[in-house]
Amino acid sequence: MATNTTTHDADTTRGGRRLTTETRPAAKTTELIAYVAAVLAVAITALVVGDGGDGADPFSAEQALRYITFLTIGYMVARGLAKSGTRGHHGDHDA
C-alpha cells in the first residue's frame, strides 16, 4: 500500500493559500517608475533639443530611440533578475 506524502512550503497554509510572494508586480515597483521617467526624459529632450537652424541636430530621433532601447533592455534585465529567485506556487509541477 502506497502512502501519500505532501510537502509544505513555508509560504503556504494548510488550505494552500499563498501568504507571501517573492516579487511585487511590475506596476508596483520603483523600477517601472524610474523607467517611465527616463523614457519620458529622453523623448522630451529629443523633442526640445532640435535643429538650431544650422542643419545639425545634436540629439536626433535615432539617438533617442537608441537610448530608449538601452533603457528597455536594462529594465527587462532588472525585472528578470528580480524574478530569477522566485519559486512557483506549491503544486506547480511539470507532469
N, C-alpha and C. Protein backbone atom coordinates (compact mmCIF):
# COMPACT_ATOMS: atom_id res chain seq x y z
N MET A 1 0.84 -1.16 0.00
CA MET A 1 0.00 0.00 0.00
C MET A 1 0.90 1.25 0.00
N ALA A 2 0.63 2.16 -0.93
CA ALA A 2 1.44 3.37 -1.08
C ALA A 2 0.91 4.46 -0.16
N THR A 3 1.83 5.20 0.40
CA THR A 3 1.41 6.31 1.24
C THR A 3 1.53 7.60 0.44
N ASN A 4 0.68 8.51 0.71
CA ASN A 4 0.67 9.78 0.01
C ASN A 4 1.28 10.83 0.92
N THR A 5 2.45 11.35 0.54
CA THR A 5 3.09 12.39 1.34
C THR A 5 3.05 13.69 0.57
N THR A 6 2.85 14.75 1.28
CA THR A 6 2.85 16.07 0.67
C THR A 6 3.87 16.93 1.38
N THR A 7 4.43 17.86 0.64
CA THR A 7 5.38 18.79 1.23
C THR A 7 4.65 20.06 1.58
N HIS A 8 5.22 20.79 2.51
CA HIS A 8 4.58 22.01 2.97
C HIS A 8 5.58 23.16 2.86
N ASP A 9 5.33 24.10 1.95
CA ASP A 9 6.19 25.28 1.81
C ASP A 9 5.96 26.21 2.98
N ALA A 10 6.95 26.99 3.31
CA ALA A 10 6.80 27.99 4.36
C ALA A 10 5.87 29.11 3.92
N ASP A 11 5.62 29.22 2.61
CA ASP A 11 4.80 30.31 2.08
C ASP A 11 3.32 29.97 2.07
N THR A 12 2.93 28.76 2.38
CA THR A 12 1.53 28.38 2.24
C THR A 12 0.96 27.95 3.57
N THR A 13 -0.35 28.02 3.65
CA THR A 13 -1.05 27.50 4.81
C THR A 13 -1.59 26.13 4.44
N ARG A 14 -2.25 25.48 5.36
CA ARG A 14 -2.80 24.16 5.07
C ARG A 14 -3.86 24.21 3.97
N GLY A 15 -4.53 25.33 3.81
CA GLY A 15 -5.53 25.47 2.76
C GLY A 15 -4.93 25.71 1.39
N GLY A 16 -3.62 25.89 1.30
CA GLY A 16 -2.96 26.08 0.02
C GLY A 16 -2.91 27.53 -0.41
N ARG A 17 -3.38 28.44 0.42
CA ARG A 17 -3.35 29.85 0.07
C ARG A 17 -1.94 30.39 0.25
N ARG A 18 -1.45 31.11 -0.72
CA ARG A 18 -0.10 31.64 -0.67
C ARG A 18 -0.08 32.88 0.21
N LEU A 19 0.82 32.90 1.20
CA LEU A 19 0.88 34.02 2.13
C LEU A 19 1.81 35.13 1.65
N THR A 20 2.89 34.78 0.99
CA THR A 20 3.85 35.78 0.55
C THR A 20 4.17 35.56 -0.91
N THR A 21 4.65 36.61 -1.53
CA THR A 21 5.16 36.49 -2.89
C THR A 21 6.61 36.91 -2.89
N GLU A 22 7.36 36.40 -3.81
CA GLU A 22 8.78 36.71 -3.88
C GLU A 22 9.03 38.12 -4.42
N THR A 23 8.28 38.51 -5.44
CA THR A 23 8.47 39.83 -6.02
C THR A 23 7.13 40.52 -6.17
N ARG A 24 7.18 41.82 -6.27
CA ARG A 24 5.96 42.59 -6.48
C ARG A 24 5.66 42.64 -7.97
N PRO A 25 4.40 42.85 -8.32
CA PRO A 25 4.07 43.04 -9.74
C PRO A 25 4.84 44.24 -10.30
N ALA A 26 5.12 44.20 -11.58
CA ALA A 26 5.95 45.24 -12.20
C ALA A 26 5.36 46.63 -12.03
N ALA A 27 4.05 46.74 -12.02
CA ALA A 27 3.41 48.05 -11.90
C ALA A 27 3.62 48.68 -10.53
N LYS A 28 4.02 47.90 -9.54
CA LYS A 28 4.20 48.41 -8.18
C LYS A 28 5.67 48.64 -7.81
N THR A 29 6.54 48.61 -8.77
CA THR A 29 7.96 48.74 -8.45
C THR A 29 8.47 50.13 -8.78
N THR A 30 9.50 50.53 -8.07
CA THR A 30 10.13 51.81 -8.39
C THR A 30 10.91 51.70 -9.69
N GLU A 31 11.26 50.47 -10.11
CA GLU A 31 11.94 50.28 -11.39
C GLU A 31 11.07 50.78 -12.53
N LEU A 32 9.78 50.48 -12.49
CA LEU A 32 8.88 50.91 -13.55
C LEU A 32 8.76 52.43 -13.55
N ILE A 33 8.64 53.02 -12.39
CA ILE A 33 8.53 54.48 -12.31
C ILE A 33 9.79 55.14 -12.85
N ALA A 34 10.95 54.62 -12.48
CA ALA A 34 12.21 55.17 -12.97
C ALA A 34 12.34 54.96 -14.48
N TYR A 35 11.91 53.81 -14.98
CA TYR A 35 11.98 53.53 -16.41
C TYR A 35 11.10 54.49 -17.20
N VAL A 36 9.86 54.67 -16.76
CA VAL A 36 8.94 55.55 -17.46
C VAL A 36 9.46 56.99 -17.42
N ALA A 37 9.97 57.43 -16.28
CA ALA A 37 10.52 58.78 -16.17
C ALA A 37 11.72 58.97 -17.10
N ALA A 38 12.58 57.97 -17.17
CA ALA A 38 13.77 58.07 -18.03
C ALA A 38 13.37 58.10 -19.51
N VAL A 39 12.41 57.28 -19.90
CA VAL A 39 11.96 57.27 -21.30
C VAL A 39 11.33 58.61 -21.65
N LEU A 40 10.50 59.15 -20.75
CA LEU A 40 9.90 60.46 -20.99
C LEU A 40 10.98 61.55 -21.08
N ALA A 41 11.98 61.47 -20.23
CA ALA A 41 13.06 62.46 -20.26
C ALA A 41 13.81 62.40 -21.59
N VAL A 42 14.09 61.21 -22.07
CA VAL A 42 14.79 61.07 -23.36
C VAL A 42 13.92 61.61 -24.49
N ALA A 43 12.65 61.25 -24.49
CA ALA A 43 11.75 61.69 -25.56
C ALA A 43 11.58 63.21 -25.55
N ILE A 44 11.41 63.78 -24.37
CA ILE A 44 11.24 65.24 -24.29
C ILE A 44 12.52 65.96 -24.68
N THR A 45 13.66 65.42 -24.26
CA THR A 45 14.94 66.02 -24.61
C THR A 45 15.15 65.98 -26.11
N ALA A 46 14.82 64.87 -26.74
CA ALA A 46 14.98 64.77 -28.19
C ALA A 46 14.05 65.75 -28.91
N LEU A 47 12.90 66.01 -28.33
CA LEU A 47 11.95 66.94 -28.93
C LEU A 47 12.42 68.39 -28.75
N VAL A 48 12.90 68.71 -27.55
CA VAL A 48 13.28 70.09 -27.24
C VAL A 48 14.60 70.46 -27.89
N VAL A 49 15.59 69.59 -27.78
CA VAL A 49 16.90 69.87 -28.36
C VAL A 49 16.79 69.53 -29.84
N GLY A 50 16.58 70.54 -30.60
CA GLY A 50 16.34 70.29 -32.02
C GLY A 50 17.30 71.02 -32.90
N ASP A 51 16.88 71.12 -34.10
CA ASP A 51 17.67 71.79 -35.13
C ASP A 51 17.75 73.27 -34.80
N GLY A 52 18.96 73.76 -34.69
CA GLY A 52 19.17 75.17 -34.38
C GLY A 52 19.22 76.03 -35.62
N GLY A 53 18.83 75.50 -36.75
CA GLY A 53 18.85 76.27 -37.98
C GLY A 53 20.09 76.03 -38.81
N ASP A 54 21.10 75.40 -38.21
CA ASP A 54 22.33 75.15 -38.97
C ASP A 54 22.35 73.76 -39.59
N GLY A 55 21.28 73.01 -39.45
CA GLY A 55 21.18 71.69 -40.07
C GLY A 55 21.70 70.56 -39.21
N ALA A 56 22.36 70.87 -38.11
CA ALA A 56 22.89 69.82 -37.24
C ALA A 56 21.96 69.62 -36.04
N ASP A 57 21.51 68.40 -35.85
CA ASP A 57 20.65 68.07 -34.70
C ASP A 57 21.50 67.33 -33.69
N PRO A 58 21.82 67.96 -32.56
CA PRO A 58 22.73 67.33 -31.60
C PRO A 58 22.14 66.10 -30.90
N PHE A 59 20.83 66.00 -30.85
CA PHE A 59 20.19 64.83 -30.22
C PHE A 59 19.03 64.41 -31.11
N SER A 60 19.33 63.55 -32.06
CA SER A 60 18.35 63.18 -33.08
C SER A 60 17.38 62.12 -32.57
N ALA A 61 16.35 61.89 -33.34
CA ALA A 61 15.37 60.86 -33.01
C ALA A 61 16.02 59.48 -33.00
N GLU A 62 16.99 59.28 -33.88
CA GLU A 62 17.70 57.99 -33.92
C GLU A 62 18.44 57.73 -32.61
N GLN A 63 19.10 58.76 -32.09
CA GLN A 63 19.78 58.62 -30.81
C GLN A 63 18.78 58.40 -29.67
N ALA A 64 17.68 59.10 -29.72
CA ALA A 64 16.66 58.94 -28.68
C ALA A 64 16.13 57.51 -28.68
N LEU A 65 15.84 56.97 -29.85
CA LEU A 65 15.36 55.58 -29.92
C LEU A 65 16.42 54.60 -29.43
N ARG A 66 17.67 54.89 -29.70
CA ARG A 66 18.76 54.01 -29.22
C ARG A 66 18.79 54.02 -27.69
N TYR A 67 18.69 55.21 -27.09
CA TYR A 67 18.71 55.30 -25.63
C TYR A 67 17.47 54.66 -25.01
N ILE A 68 16.34 54.83 -25.64
CA ILE A 68 15.12 54.18 -25.14
C ILE A 68 15.25 52.66 -25.22
N THR A 69 15.86 52.17 -26.30
CA THR A 69 16.11 50.73 -26.42
C THR A 69 17.03 50.25 -25.31
N PHE A 70 18.09 50.99 -25.03
CA PHE A 70 19.01 50.62 -23.94
C PHE A 70 18.28 50.62 -22.59
N LEU A 71 17.44 51.63 -22.37
CA LEU A 71 16.66 51.67 -21.13
C LEU A 71 15.72 50.47 -21.01
N THR A 72 15.09 50.10 -22.13
CA THR A 72 14.18 48.96 -22.13
C THR A 72 14.91 47.67 -21.83
N ILE A 73 16.07 47.49 -22.43
CA ILE A 73 16.86 46.28 -22.16
C ILE A 73 17.27 46.25 -20.68
N GLY A 74 17.70 47.39 -20.16
CA GLY A 74 18.08 47.45 -18.75
C GLY A 74 16.91 47.14 -17.83
N TYR A 75 15.74 47.65 -18.16
CA TYR A 75 14.55 47.39 -17.35
C TYR A 75 14.20 45.91 -17.39
N MET A 76 14.26 45.31 -18.58
CA MET A 76 13.92 43.89 -18.70
C MET A 76 14.92 43.02 -17.93
N VAL A 77 16.19 43.37 -17.98
CA VAL A 77 17.20 42.63 -17.22
C VAL A 77 16.95 42.78 -15.72
N ALA A 78 16.64 43.99 -15.28
CA ALA A 78 16.38 44.22 -13.86
C ALA A 78 15.18 43.40 -13.39
N ARG A 79 14.10 43.37 -14.17
CA ARG A 79 12.92 42.58 -13.79
C ARG A 79 13.25 41.09 -13.82
N GLY A 80 14.04 40.68 -14.79
CA GLY A 80 14.43 39.27 -14.86
C GLY A 80 15.25 38.85 -13.65
N LEU A 81 16.18 39.71 -13.23
CA LEU A 81 16.97 39.41 -12.04
C LEU A 81 16.10 39.40 -10.80
N ALA A 82 15.12 40.28 -10.74
CA ALA A 82 14.23 40.32 -9.58
C ALA A 82 13.40 39.05 -9.49
N LYS A 83 13.02 38.51 -10.62
CA LYS A 83 12.18 37.33 -10.63
C LYS A 83 12.97 36.02 -10.69
N SER A 84 14.28 36.10 -10.87
CA SER A 84 15.07 34.89 -11.06
C SER A 84 15.09 33.99 -9.82
N GLY A 85 14.91 34.57 -8.67
CA GLY A 85 14.93 33.77 -7.45
C GLY A 85 13.56 33.32 -6.98
N THR A 86 12.54 33.57 -7.78
CA THR A 86 11.19 33.22 -7.33
C THR A 86 10.94 31.74 -7.49
N ARG A 87 10.09 31.26 -6.61
CA ARG A 87 9.65 29.87 -6.69
C ARG A 87 8.23 29.85 -7.22
N GLY A 88 7.87 28.78 -7.84
CA GLY A 88 6.49 28.63 -8.30
C GLY A 88 5.57 28.35 -7.14
N HIS A 89 4.28 28.42 -7.40
CA HIS A 89 3.30 28.09 -6.36
C HIS A 89 3.44 26.62 -5.99
N HIS A 90 3.08 26.30 -4.78
CA HIS A 90 3.08 24.92 -4.32
C HIS A 90 2.15 24.11 -5.21
N GLY A 91 2.63 23.07 -5.77
CA GLY A 91 1.82 22.24 -6.64
C GLY A 91 2.04 22.48 -8.11
N ASP A 92 2.90 23.47 -8.47
CA ASP A 92 3.22 23.69 -9.88
C ASP A 92 4.30 22.69 -10.28
N HIS A 93 3.90 21.62 -10.91
CA HIS A 93 4.85 20.60 -11.34
C HIS A 93 4.63 20.32 -12.82
N ASP A 94 5.72 19.99 -13.50
CA ASP A 94 5.59 19.54 -14.88
C ASP A 94 5.15 18.09 -14.85
N ALA A 95 4.05 17.81 -15.52
CA ALA A 95 3.52 16.45 -15.47
C ALA A 95 4.18 15.53 -16.43
